[in-house]
Structures are given as structure tokens and as C-alpha cells.
Amino acid sequence: MARLLIVGPQGSGKGTQGVRIADALDIPAVSTGDVFRAAVKDGTELGKQVQSLIEAGDLVPDELTSAVVRERLAQDDAARGFLLDGYPRNLGQVADLDAFLAGRGEQLTGVIELSVPREESMSRLTLRAAEQGRTDDTEEAIARRLAIYESETAPILDVYRERGIVDTIDGVGTLDEIAERIRTALAARDIVGA
């Protein structure tokens, strides 16, 4: 069973690659960013709480994020596996996820780290903002989120490296090249067929 996490700085392509992996494995891709953006679009109470945080480039508080993820992973389609994107993003959330999974007799089976230089992330996010008109992708907000990633999220990889479940993938190249690197790494772990 594939219980995966994809990690990388904003603009690394983790959302795009995460969906490809999830589709290939027939498991849900659980993106906290997508959940939050849908709530903002729908004007829900959660959406109203989240909108000002996102526009300022801030992150949603751990308790709220963990509750949303637990609720999503408790749904039937996640019983046979899942791919997390955007959670856990700090050491406190790693502990929350570990406790939740342990309560179900489970643990993560793999962590995919998409490695992309900071300049590449900035360039991709600036382009995305222009193409999609995303208010949360101002240059200042991008720089702030990348700094938060580097200080808070990157350290979670050390926890997973100690467990021997991290595969670092070069996140620069065509979508298909990157997808093939990921597939090769997952095949080596017997998560997908060779």
C-alpha cells in the first residue's frame, strides 16, 4: 500500500507530479493547498479564515491543517493509500501525522523530495502568478513562503531520512522526465511496478 508524501519548495512541481503519481497508483492526492483554495472560492467559514493568511503569504495554523488532513484521510478512498502534498510542513505536523497513522496501525511508505534551486522556484511562481492571476503569488509573498519552507519544512526531511524513506528527485526538466525519475525511485521501493 502506498502512503506517500511529496515535498519540495513552492514552485517545485509537487502538485503536478503528485497528481500524476496518485493517478498512476489509483490513490487520492491530498493537497492542503487545494483544500484551502476550494474553501476560499466557496466562501466557507474555513475559507474566510484562510484567505487573509494566504494573501499575506502566511501559513494556516497547524491545528486547523492537521484537522483537515485527518478528516480527509478518514474518507473511504484513502483507505488503500494516499499521497500528501503540503502536509506535514513542520516537525509538529510530522508528530500529528505519525500519531494519526499509528492509531490506524500505519506509517508512511515513502517520501519524494523534489529538489529545485530557489531561483527556479521564484521564476516558476512568478510565471504562474501572471498566467493565473493568483493574488497569493506576489514576489514578496513568494520569497516569504520559500523562506518559511527552508526554515520549517526542509527540516522534516531529516526525520524521514532517518527512517530511510526519502528519495530526492531532481525537479528540473520536462514533466515527463521528472515523472520518470519519480517512477524509478518508487519502483526501487516496490511501490510501483518497474
N, C-alpha and C. Protein backbone atom coordinates (compact mmCIF):
# COMPACT_ATOMS: atom_id res chain seq x y z
N MET A 1 0.85 -1.18 0.00
CA MET A 1 0.00 0.00 0.00
C MET A 1 0.89 1.23 0.00
N ALA A 2 0.53 2.21 -0.84
CA ALA A 2 1.31 3.44 -0.96
C ALA A 2 0.73 4.54 -0.07
N ARG A 3 1.50 4.90 0.94
CA ARG A 3 1.16 6.06 1.77
C ARG A 3 2.35 7.01 1.62
N LEU A 4 2.18 7.98 0.73
CA LEU A 4 3.30 8.79 0.28
C LEU A 4 3.16 10.25 0.67
N LEU A 5 4.30 10.92 0.69
CA LEU A 5 4.38 12.35 0.91
C LEU A 5 5.28 12.90 -0.19
N ILE A 6 4.85 14.00 -0.81
CA ILE A 6 5.72 14.69 -1.77
C ILE A 6 6.06 16.04 -1.16
N VAL A 7 7.35 16.36 -1.15
CA VAL A 7 7.86 17.57 -0.50
C VAL A 7 8.76 18.31 -1.47
N GLY A 8 8.68 19.62 -1.42
CA GLY A 8 9.56 20.46 -2.21
C GLY A 8 9.14 21.89 -2.02
N PRO A 9 10.02 22.82 -2.36
CA PRO A 9 9.65 24.22 -2.22
C PRO A 9 8.50 24.58 -3.15
N GLN A 10 7.78 25.65 -2.82
CA GLN A 10 6.73 26.12 -3.70
C GLN A 10 7.34 26.33 -5.08
N GLY A 11 6.60 25.91 -6.11
CA GLY A 11 7.10 26.04 -7.47
C GLY A 11 7.96 24.88 -7.92
N SER A 12 8.10 23.84 -7.08
CA SER A 12 8.93 22.69 -7.46
C SER A 12 8.20 21.73 -8.38
N GLY A 13 6.88 21.90 -8.53
CA GLY A 13 6.11 21.00 -9.37
C GLY A 13 5.47 19.87 -8.59
N LYS A 14 5.48 19.95 -7.25
CA LYS A 14 4.97 18.83 -6.46
C LYS A 14 3.48 18.60 -6.67
N GLY A 15 2.71 19.67 -6.90
CA GLY A 15 1.28 19.49 -7.15
C GLY A 15 1.04 18.72 -8.44
N THR A 16 1.70 19.12 -9.49
CA THR A 16 1.57 18.46 -10.79
C THR A 16 2.04 17.01 -10.73
N GLN A 17 3.23 16.80 -10.16
CA GLN A 17 3.76 15.43 -10.08
C GLN A 17 2.96 14.59 -9.10
N GLY A 18 2.49 15.21 -8.02
CA GLY A 18 1.68 14.47 -7.05
C GLY A 18 0.43 13.89 -7.67
N VAL A 19 -0.25 14.67 -8.48
CA VAL A 19 -1.47 14.19 -9.16
C VAL A 19 -1.12 13.04 -10.11
N ARG A 20 -0.01 13.17 -10.83
CA ARG A 20 0.40 12.10 -11.75
C ARG A 20 0.67 10.79 -10.99
N ILE A 21 1.39 10.91 -9.88
CA ILE A 21 1.71 9.72 -9.08
C ILE A 21 0.42 9.09 -8.54
N ALA A 22 -0.43 9.93 -7.96
CA ALA A 22 -1.68 9.44 -7.38
C ALA A 22 -2.54 8.75 -8.44
N ASP A 23 -2.62 9.34 -9.63
CA ASP A 23 -3.41 8.73 -10.71
C ASP A 23 -2.82 7.38 -11.10
N ALA A 24 -1.48 7.31 -11.22
CA ALA A 24 -0.83 6.07 -11.61
C ALA A 24 -1.06 4.97 -10.58
N LEU A 25 -1.14 5.34 -9.30
CA LEU A 25 -1.32 4.36 -8.22
C LEU A 25 -2.78 4.18 -7.82
N ASP A 26 -3.67 4.97 -8.43
CA ASP A 26 -5.10 4.94 -8.11
C ASP A 26 -5.36 5.20 -6.62
N ILE A 27 -4.69 6.26 -6.14
CA ILE A 27 -4.89 6.72 -4.76
C ILE A 27 -5.19 8.21 -4.80
N PRO A 28 -5.85 8.76 -3.79
CA PRO A 28 -6.12 10.20 -3.81
C PRO A 28 -4.89 11.04 -3.52
N ALA A 29 -4.77 12.15 -4.24
CA ALA A 29 -3.77 13.16 -3.93
C ALA A 29 -4.44 14.14 -2.98
N VAL A 30 -3.87 14.29 -1.81
CA VAL A 30 -4.45 15.16 -0.78
C VAL A 30 -3.56 16.38 -0.65
N SER A 31 -4.01 17.48 -1.25
CA SER A 31 -3.25 18.73 -1.24
C SER A 31 -3.95 19.71 -0.32
N THR A 32 -3.28 20.09 0.75
CA THR A 32 -3.89 21.05 1.66
C THR A 32 -4.13 22.38 0.94
N GLY A 33 -3.23 22.75 0.04
CA GLY A 33 -3.42 23.99 -0.71
C GLY A 33 -4.71 23.97 -1.51
N ASP A 34 -5.00 22.84 -2.18
CA ASP A 34 -6.23 22.72 -2.96
C ASP A 34 -7.46 22.78 -2.05
N VAL A 35 -7.38 22.09 -0.90
CA VAL A 35 -8.50 22.10 0.05
C VAL A 35 -8.77 23.53 0.51
N PHE A 36 -7.71 24.25 0.86
CA PHE A 36 -7.87 25.62 1.34
C PHE A 36 -8.36 26.55 0.24
N ARG A 37 -7.81 26.42 -0.99
CA ARG A 37 -8.25 27.29 -2.09
C ARG A 37 -9.71 27.05 -2.43
N ALA A 38 -10.15 25.79 -2.38
CA ALA A 38 -11.56 25.48 -2.64
C ALA A 38 -12.46 26.13 -1.59
N ALA A 39 -12.02 26.11 -0.35
CA ALA A 39 -12.80 26.73 0.73
C ALA A 39 -12.90 28.24 0.54
N VAL A 40 -11.80 28.86 0.10
CA VAL A 40 -11.81 30.30 -0.17
C VAL A 40 -12.78 30.60 -1.31
N LYS A 41 -12.67 29.82 -2.38
CA LYS A 41 -13.53 30.02 -3.56
C LYS A 41 -15.00 29.85 -3.20
N ASP A 42 -15.29 28.85 -2.36
CA ASP A 42 -16.68 28.57 -1.98
C ASP A 42 -17.19 29.52 -0.90
N GLY A 43 -16.30 30.34 -0.34
CA GLY A 43 -16.71 31.30 0.67
C GLY A 43 -17.12 30.66 2.00
N THR A 44 -16.56 29.49 2.29
CA THR A 44 -16.92 28.81 3.55
C THR A 44 -16.28 29.54 4.73
N GLU A 45 -16.69 29.15 5.93
CA GLU A 45 -16.11 29.77 7.13
C GLU A 45 -14.60 29.52 7.16
N LEU A 46 -14.18 28.28 6.85
CA LEU A 46 -12.75 27.97 6.76
C LEU A 46 -12.09 28.87 5.72
N GLY A 47 -12.75 29.03 4.59
CA GLY A 47 -12.21 29.86 3.52
C GLY A 47 -11.97 31.29 3.94
N LYS A 48 -12.91 31.84 4.71
CA LYS A 48 -12.76 33.22 5.19
C LYS A 48 -11.57 33.32 6.15
N GLN A 49 -11.38 32.30 7.00
CA GLN A 49 -10.25 32.31 7.93
C GLN A 49 -8.93 32.23 7.17
N VAL A 50 -8.93 31.45 6.11
CA VAL A 50 -7.71 31.15 5.39
C VAL A 50 -7.31 32.24 4.40
N GLN A 51 -8.29 32.91 3.80
CA GLN A 51 -8.00 33.85 2.71
C GLN A 51 -6.99 34.93 3.09
N SER A 52 -7.18 35.57 4.22
CA SER A 52 -6.26 36.65 4.59
C SER A 52 -4.87 36.11 4.88
N LEU A 53 -4.80 34.90 5.44
CA LEU A 53 -3.49 34.28 5.70
C LEU A 53 -2.74 34.01 4.40
N ILE A 54 -3.44 33.41 3.44
CA ILE A 54 -2.82 33.05 2.16
C ILE A 54 -2.36 34.30 1.42
N GLU A 55 -3.22 35.32 1.37
CA GLU A 55 -2.86 36.53 0.64
C GLU A 55 -1.65 37.23 1.24
N ALA A 56 -1.47 37.09 2.55
CA ALA A 56 -0.30 37.69 3.20
C ALA A 56 0.94 36.80 3.07
N GLY A 57 0.76 35.61 2.48
CA GLY A 57 1.88 34.68 2.36
C GLY A 57 2.12 33.88 3.62
N ASP A 58 1.19 33.97 4.58
CA ASP A 58 1.31 33.22 5.82
C ASP A 58 0.74 31.82 5.66
N LEU A 59 1.05 30.96 6.59
CA LEU A 59 0.55 29.59 6.56
C LEU A 59 -0.60 29.43 7.55
N VAL A 60 -1.46 28.48 7.23
CA VAL A 60 -2.61 28.19 8.09
C VAL A 60 -2.10 27.49 9.36
N PRO A 61 -2.65 27.80 10.54
CA PRO A 61 -2.18 27.20 11.79
C PRO A 61 -2.22 25.66 11.77
N ASP A 62 -1.25 25.06 12.48
CA ASP A 62 -1.11 23.60 12.50
C ASP A 62 -2.38 22.87 12.89
N GLU A 63 -3.06 23.35 13.96
CA GLU A 63 -4.23 22.62 14.46
C GLU A 63 -5.29 22.51 13.38
N LEU A 64 -5.52 23.61 12.66
CA LEU A 64 -6.53 23.64 11.60
C LEU A 64 -6.12 22.73 10.45
N THR A 65 -4.86 22.82 10.06
CA THR A 65 -4.36 22.00 8.96
C THR A 65 -4.42 20.51 9.31
N SER A 66 -3.97 20.14 10.50
CA SER A 66 -3.98 18.73 10.91
C SER A 66 -5.40 18.18 10.94
N ALA A 67 -6.34 18.97 11.43
CA ALA A 67 -7.74 18.53 11.49
C ALA A 67 -8.29 18.28 10.09
N VAL A 68 -7.98 19.16 9.15
CA VAL A 68 -8.44 19.00 7.77
C VAL A 68 -7.86 17.72 7.16
N VAL A 69 -6.57 17.48 7.38
CA VAL A 69 -5.92 16.29 6.82
C VAL A 69 -6.48 15.01 7.45
N ARG A 70 -6.65 14.98 8.76
CA ARG A 70 -7.21 13.79 9.42
C ARG A 70 -8.60 13.47 8.86
N GLU A 71 -9.40 14.50 8.69
CA GLU A 71 -10.75 14.31 8.14
C GLU A 71 -10.68 13.72 6.73
N ARG A 72 -9.76 14.24 5.92
CA ARG A 72 -9.63 13.76 4.53
C ARG A 72 -9.11 12.33 4.48
N LEU A 73 -8.13 12.00 5.31
CA LEU A 73 -7.55 10.65 5.29
C LEU A 73 -8.51 9.61 5.86
N ALA A 74 -9.52 10.04 6.59
CA ALA A 74 -10.52 9.12 7.14
C ALA A 74 -11.57 8.73 6.10
N GLN A 75 -11.56 9.38 4.94
CA GLN A 75 -12.52 9.05 3.89
C GLN A 75 -12.16 7.71 3.24
N ASP A 76 -13.18 7.04 2.72
CA ASP A 76 -13.03 5.68 2.19
C ASP A 76 -11.95 5.55 1.12
N ASP A 77 -11.85 6.52 0.22
CA ASP A 77 -10.90 6.37 -0.89
C ASP A 77 -9.44 6.40 -0.43
N ALA A 78 -9.18 6.89 0.78
CA ALA A 78 -7.81 6.94 1.29
C ALA A 78 -7.44 5.68 2.06
N ALA A 79 -8.37 4.74 2.20
CA ALA A 79 -8.11 3.51 2.96
C ALA A 79 -7.05 2.65 2.27
N ARG A 80 -6.95 2.73 0.95
CA ARG A 80 -5.99 1.90 0.21
C ARG A 80 -4.71 2.65 -0.12
N GLY A 81 -4.55 3.86 0.44
CA GLY A 81 -3.33 4.63 0.22
C GLY A 81 -3.66 6.07 -0.12
N PHE A 82 -2.62 6.89 -0.13
CA PHE A 82 -2.80 8.32 -0.41
C PHE A 82 -1.46 8.93 -0.72
N LEU A 83 -1.50 10.13 -1.30
CA LEU A 83 -0.31 10.93 -1.49
C LEU A 83 -0.59 12.31 -0.90
N LEU A 84 0.21 12.70 0.08
CA LEU A 84 0.07 14.00 0.73
C LEU A 84 0.96 15.03 0.04
N ASP A 85 0.40 16.22 -0.16
CA ASP A 85 1.12 17.34 -0.77
C ASP A 85 0.83 18.57 0.08
N GLY A 86 1.87 19.09 0.74
CA GLY A 86 1.70 20.29 1.55
C GLY A 86 1.48 20.02 3.02
N TYR A 87 1.55 18.76 3.39
CA TYR A 87 1.38 18.35 4.80
C TYR A 87 2.07 17.02 4.99
N PRO A 88 2.84 16.84 6.04
CA PRO A 88 3.21 17.81 7.06
C PRO A 88 4.23 18.80 6.53
N ARG A 89 4.18 20.03 7.07
CA ARG A 89 5.10 21.07 6.62
C ARG A 89 6.04 21.53 7.73
N ASN A 90 5.91 20.94 8.92
CA ASN A 90 6.84 21.26 10.01
C ASN A 90 6.90 20.07 10.96
N LEU A 91 7.81 20.13 11.93
CA LEU A 91 8.03 18.99 12.82
C LEU A 91 6.81 18.68 13.69
N GLY A 92 6.06 19.71 14.10
CA GLY A 92 4.84 19.48 14.87
C GLY A 92 3.81 18.69 14.07
N GLN A 93 3.68 19.01 12.80
CA GLN A 93 2.73 18.28 11.95
C GLN A 93 3.21 16.86 11.67
N VAL A 94 4.53 16.65 11.62
CA VAL A 94 5.05 15.29 11.48
C VAL A 94 4.57 14.45 12.67
N ALA A 95 4.68 15.00 13.87
CA ALA A 95 4.23 14.29 15.07
C ALA A 95 2.73 14.02 15.01
N ASP A 96 1.94 15.01 14.57
CA ASP A 96 0.49 14.82 14.43
C ASP A 96 0.17 13.70 13.45
N LEU A 97 0.84 13.71 12.30
CA LEU A 97 0.59 12.69 11.28
C LEU A 97 1.03 11.32 11.79
N ASP A 98 2.21 11.25 12.42
CA ASP A 98 2.68 9.97 12.97
C ASP A 98 1.65 9.39 13.95
N ALA A 99 1.14 10.24 14.84
CA ALA A 99 0.16 9.77 15.84
C ALA A 99 -1.11 9.29 15.17
N PHE A 100 -1.59 10.05 14.18
CA PHE A 100 -2.82 9.66 13.46
C PHE A 100 -2.62 8.31 12.76
N LEU A 101 -1.52 8.17 12.02
CA LEU A 101 -1.27 6.93 11.29
C LEU A 101 -1.04 5.76 12.24
N ALA A 102 -0.30 6.00 13.33
CA ALA A 102 -0.03 4.93 14.31
C ALA A 102 -1.35 4.42 14.89
N GLY A 103 -2.29 5.32 15.09
CA GLY A 103 -3.60 4.92 15.60
C GLY A 103 -4.34 3.99 14.66
N ARG A 104 -3.93 4.00 13.39
CA ARG A 104 -4.53 3.10 12.38
C ARG A 104 -3.59 1.94 12.05
N GLY A 105 -2.48 1.85 12.80
CA GLY A 105 -1.51 0.78 12.53
C GLY A 105 -0.76 0.99 11.22
N GLU A 106 -0.55 2.25 10.84
CA GLU A 106 0.07 2.58 9.56
C GLU A 106 1.27 3.51 9.76
N GLN A 107 2.02 3.68 8.69
CA GLN A 107 3.09 4.67 8.63
C GLN A 107 3.31 5.03 7.17
N LEU A 108 4.02 6.13 6.92
CA LEU A 108 4.34 6.49 5.54
C LEU A 108 5.25 5.42 4.93
N THR A 109 5.05 5.15 3.64
CA THR A 109 5.88 4.17 2.96
C THR A 109 6.96 4.83 2.10
N GLY A 110 6.81 6.13 1.82
CA GLY A 110 7.82 6.81 1.03
C GLY A 110 7.63 8.31 1.04
N VAL A 111 8.76 9.03 0.89
CA VAL A 111 8.75 10.49 0.80
C VAL A 111 9.53 10.87 -0.44
N ILE A 112 8.89 11.62 -1.32
CA ILE A 112 9.52 12.09 -2.54
C ILE A 112 9.89 13.55 -2.32
N GLU A 113 11.18 13.85 -2.37
CA GLU A 113 11.64 15.23 -2.26
C GLU A 113 11.99 15.74 -3.65
N LEU A 114 11.26 16.76 -4.11
CA LEU A 114 11.59 17.39 -5.38
C LEU A 114 12.58 18.51 -5.11
N SER A 115 13.78 18.36 -5.62
CA SER A 115 14.85 19.32 -5.39
C SER A 115 14.91 20.31 -6.57
N VAL A 116 14.70 21.59 -6.24
CA VAL A 116 14.69 22.65 -7.25
C VAL A 116 15.43 23.86 -6.68
N PRO A 117 16.36 24.46 -7.44
CA PRO A 117 17.04 25.66 -6.95
C PRO A 117 16.04 26.79 -6.66
N ARG A 118 16.35 27.62 -5.67
CA ARG A 118 15.46 28.72 -5.27
C ARG A 118 15.11 29.62 -6.45
N GLU A 119 16.08 29.94 -7.30
CA GLU A 119 15.82 30.83 -8.44
C GLU A 119 14.78 30.21 -9.38
N GLU A 120 14.84 28.89 -9.55
CA GLU A 120 13.88 28.20 -10.41
C GLU A 120 12.48 28.27 -9.80
N SER A 121 12.37 28.10 -8.49
CA SER A 121 11.07 28.22 -7.81
C SER A 121 10.50 29.62 -8.00
N MET A 122 11.32 30.64 -7.78
CA MET A 122 10.87 32.03 -7.93
C MET A 122 10.38 32.28 -9.35
N SER A 123 11.13 31.82 -10.33
CA SER A 123 10.78 32.03 -11.73
C SER A 123 9.45 31.34 -12.07
N ARG A 124 9.31 30.09 -11.64
CA ARG A 124 8.08 29.34 -11.93
C ARG A 124 6.86 29.99 -11.27
N LEU A 125 7.01 30.42 -10.02
CA LEU A 125 5.88 31.01 -9.29
C LEU A 125 5.50 32.37 -9.85
N THR A 126 6.48 33.15 -10.28
CA THR A 126 6.19 34.45 -10.87
C THR A 126 5.43 34.26 -12.18
N LEU A 127 5.84 33.29 -12.97
CA LEU A 127 5.15 32.97 -14.23
C LEU A 127 3.73 32.49 -13.95
N ARG A 128 3.57 31.60 -12.97
CA ARG A 128 2.24 31.07 -12.62
C ARG A 128 1.32 32.21 -12.18
N ALA A 129 1.85 33.13 -11.39
CA ALA A 129 1.03 34.26 -10.92
C ALA A 129 0.52 35.08 -12.10
N ALA A 130 1.39 35.32 -13.06
CA ALA A 130 0.99 36.10 -14.23
C ALA A 130 -0.05 35.35 -15.07
N GLU A 131 0.16 34.04 -15.25
CA GLU A 131 -0.76 33.24 -16.07
C GLU A 131 -2.12 33.05 -15.41
N GLN A 132 -2.13 32.85 -14.09
CA GLN A 132 -3.36 32.50 -13.39
C GLN A 132 -3.96 33.65 -12.61
N GLY A 133 -3.28 34.78 -12.55
CA GLY A 133 -3.78 35.91 -11.79
C GLY A 133 -3.93 35.61 -10.31
N ARG A 134 -3.01 34.84 -9.76
CA ARG A 134 -3.10 34.43 -8.35
C ARG A 134 -2.63 35.55 -7.43
N THR A 135 -3.53 36.00 -6.56
CA THR A 135 -3.19 37.09 -5.66
C THR A 135 -2.21 36.66 -4.58
N ASP A 136 -2.08 35.35 -4.33
CA ASP A 136 -1.17 34.89 -3.29
C ASP A 136 0.25 34.72 -3.80
N ASP A 137 0.49 35.01 -5.06
CA ASP A 137 1.82 34.83 -5.64
C ASP A 137 2.50 36.15 -6.00
N THR A 138 2.47 37.13 -5.10
CA THR A 138 3.27 38.34 -5.28
C THR A 138 4.73 37.96 -5.01
N GLU A 139 5.65 38.76 -5.52
CA GLU A 139 7.07 38.43 -5.33
C GLU A 139 7.44 38.37 -3.85
N GLU A 140 6.89 39.29 -3.06
CA GLU A 140 7.18 39.31 -1.63
C GLU A 140 6.62 38.07 -0.93
N ALA A 141 5.39 37.70 -1.29
CA ALA A 141 4.76 36.52 -0.68
C ALA A 141 5.50 35.24 -1.07
N ILE A 142 5.95 35.17 -2.33
CA ILE A 142 6.72 34.01 -2.79
C ILE A 142 8.00 33.88 -1.98
N ALA A 143 8.73 34.99 -1.85
CA ALA A 143 10.00 34.96 -1.11
C ALA A 143 9.77 34.57 0.34
N ARG A 144 8.69 35.06 0.92
CA ARG A 144 8.39 34.73 2.31
C ARG A 144 8.05 33.25 2.47
N ARG A 145 7.25 32.70 1.56
CA ARG A 145 6.89 31.28 1.64
C ARG A 145 8.11 30.39 1.42
N LEU A 146 9.01 30.79 0.52
CA LEU A 146 10.23 30.00 0.31
C LEU A 146 11.11 30.02 1.56
N ALA A 147 11.18 31.17 2.22
CA ALA A 147 11.97 31.26 3.46
C ALA A 147 11.36 30.38 4.54
N ILE A 148 10.04 30.38 4.63
CA ILE A 148 9.36 29.51 5.61
C ILE A 148 9.62 28.04 5.28
N TYR A 149 9.56 27.70 3.99
CA TYR A 149 9.85 26.31 3.58
C TYR A 149 11.24 25.91 4.05
N GLU A 150 12.22 26.78 3.78
CA GLU A 150 13.60 26.46 4.11
C GLU A 150 13.82 26.31 5.62
N SER A 151 13.14 27.14 6.42
CA SER A 151 13.36 27.10 7.87
C SER A 151 12.49 26.07 8.59
N GLU A 152 11.26 25.84 8.09
CA GLU A 152 10.33 24.97 8.82
C GLU A 152 10.08 23.62 8.16
N THR A 153 9.94 23.60 6.83
CA THR A 153 9.57 22.35 6.16
C THR A 153 10.78 21.49 5.82
N ALA A 154 11.83 22.09 5.29
CA ALA A 154 13.01 21.29 4.93
C ALA A 154 13.50 20.41 6.08
N PRO A 155 13.47 20.86 7.34
CA PRO A 155 13.93 20.00 8.44
C PRO A 155 13.12 18.70 8.63
N ILE A 156 11.88 18.63 8.13
CA ILE A 156 11.14 17.38 8.29
C ILE A 156 11.80 16.26 7.49
N LEU A 157 12.52 16.64 6.45
CA LEU A 157 13.18 15.61 5.63
C LEU A 157 14.21 14.84 6.43
N ASP A 158 14.85 15.49 7.41
CA ASP A 158 15.82 14.79 8.25
C ASP A 158 15.16 13.66 9.03
N VAL A 159 13.94 13.92 9.53
CA VAL A 159 13.19 12.89 10.26
C VAL A 159 12.94 11.69 9.36
N TYR A 160 12.50 11.96 8.14
CA TYR A 160 12.18 10.87 7.21
C TYR A 160 13.43 10.20 6.65
N ARG A 161 14.52 10.96 6.53
CA ARG A 161 15.79 10.34 6.09
C ARG A 161 16.27 9.33 7.13
N GLU A 162 16.10 9.68 8.42
CA GLU A 162 16.47 8.74 9.49
C GLU A 162 15.67 7.44 9.38
N ARG A 163 14.47 7.52 8.87
CA ARG A 163 13.62 6.34 8.69
C ARG A 163 13.93 5.62 7.38
N GLY A 164 14.78 6.23 6.54
CA GLY A 164 15.19 5.59 5.30
C GLY A 164 14.13 5.58 4.21
N ILE A 165 13.23 6.56 4.21
CA ILE A 165 12.14 6.52 3.24
C ILE A 165 12.14 7.70 2.26
N VAL A 166 13.22 8.50 2.22
CA VAL A 166 13.26 9.67 1.34
C VAL A 166 14.00 9.35 0.04
N ASP A 167 13.38 9.72 -1.07
CA ASP A 167 14.04 9.70 -2.38
C ASP A 167 14.11 11.13 -2.86
N THR A 168 15.32 11.65 -3.08
CA THR A 168 15.49 13.01 -3.58
C THR A 168 15.55 12.96 -5.09
N ILE A 169 14.63 13.70 -5.72
CA ILE A 169 14.47 13.70 -7.17
C ILE A 169 14.83 15.07 -7.72
N ASP A 170 15.62 15.10 -8.79
CA ASP A 170 15.92 16.35 -9.47
C ASP A 170 14.63 16.87 -10.08
N GLY A 171 14.16 18.03 -9.61
CA GLY A 171 12.89 18.59 -10.07
C GLY A 171 13.00 19.52 -11.24
N VAL A 172 14.16 19.55 -11.91
CA VAL A 172 14.33 20.38 -13.09
C VAL A 172 14.36 19.48 -14.32
N GLY A 173 13.55 19.83 -15.31
CA GLY A 173 13.44 19.06 -16.55
C GLY A 173 12.01 19.10 -17.04
N THR A 174 11.70 18.27 -18.03
CA THR A 174 10.33 18.23 -18.52
C THR A 174 9.47 17.46 -17.52
N LEU A 175 8.16 17.65 -17.60
CA LEU A 175 7.24 16.93 -16.70
C LEU A 175 7.46 15.44 -16.81
N ASP A 176 7.62 14.94 -18.03
CA ASP A 176 7.80 13.50 -18.23
C ASP A 176 9.12 13.00 -17.68
N GLU A 177 10.19 13.78 -17.83
CA GLU A 177 11.49 13.38 -17.29
C GLU A 177 11.43 13.26 -15.77
N ILE A 178 10.81 14.25 -15.13
CA ILE A 178 10.70 14.24 -13.67
C ILE A 178 9.82 13.09 -13.22
N ALA A 179 8.71 12.87 -13.92
CA ALA A 179 7.79 11.77 -13.58
C ALA A 179 8.51 10.43 -13.69
N GLU A 180 9.37 10.27 -14.68
CA GLU A 180 10.10 9.01 -14.85
C GLU A 180 11.11 8.81 -13.72
N ARG A 181 11.76 9.89 -13.27
CA ARG A 181 12.69 9.79 -12.13
C ARG A 181 11.93 9.32 -10.88
N ILE A 182 10.74 9.89 -10.68
CA ILE A 182 9.94 9.50 -9.52
C ILE A 182 9.50 8.05 -9.64
N ARG A 183 9.03 7.65 -10.83
CA ARG A 183 8.56 6.27 -11.02
C ARG A 183 9.69 5.28 -10.76
N THR A 184 10.89 5.61 -11.21
CA THR A 184 12.06 4.74 -11.00
C THR A 184 12.34 4.58 -9.52
N ALA A 185 12.28 5.70 -8.77
CA ALA A 185 12.53 5.66 -7.32
C ALA A 185 11.48 4.83 -6.61
N LEU A 186 10.20 5.02 -6.99
CA LEU A 186 9.12 4.25 -6.35
C LEU A 186 9.20 2.76 -6.71
N ALA A 187 9.63 2.47 -7.93
CA ALA A 187 9.79 1.06 -8.33
C ALA A 187 10.88 0.39 -7.51
N ALA A 188 11.94 1.12 -7.21
CA ALA A 188 13.04 0.57 -6.40
C ALA A 188 12.55 0.23 -4.99
N ARG A 189 11.49 0.89 -4.55
CA ARG A 189 10.90 0.61 -3.22
C ARG A 189 9.72 -0.35 -3.32
N ASP A 190 9.50 -0.92 -4.51
CA ASP A 190 8.38 -1.83 -4.76
C ASP A 190 7.02 -1.17 -4.49
N ILE A 191 6.96 0.16 -4.72
CA ILE A 191 5.68 0.86 -4.56
C ILE A 191 4.93 0.88 -5.88
N VAL A 192 5.65 0.91 -6.99
CA VAL A 192 5.05 0.76 -8.31
C VAL A 192 5.83 -0.32 -9.06
N GLY A 193 5.21 -0.85 -10.10
CA GLY A 193 5.91 -1.85 -10.91
C GLY A 193 7.04 -1.21 -11.69
N ALA A 194 8.03 -2.00 -12.01
CA ALA A 194 9.20 -1.50 -12.75
C ALA A 194 8.86 -1.16 -14.18
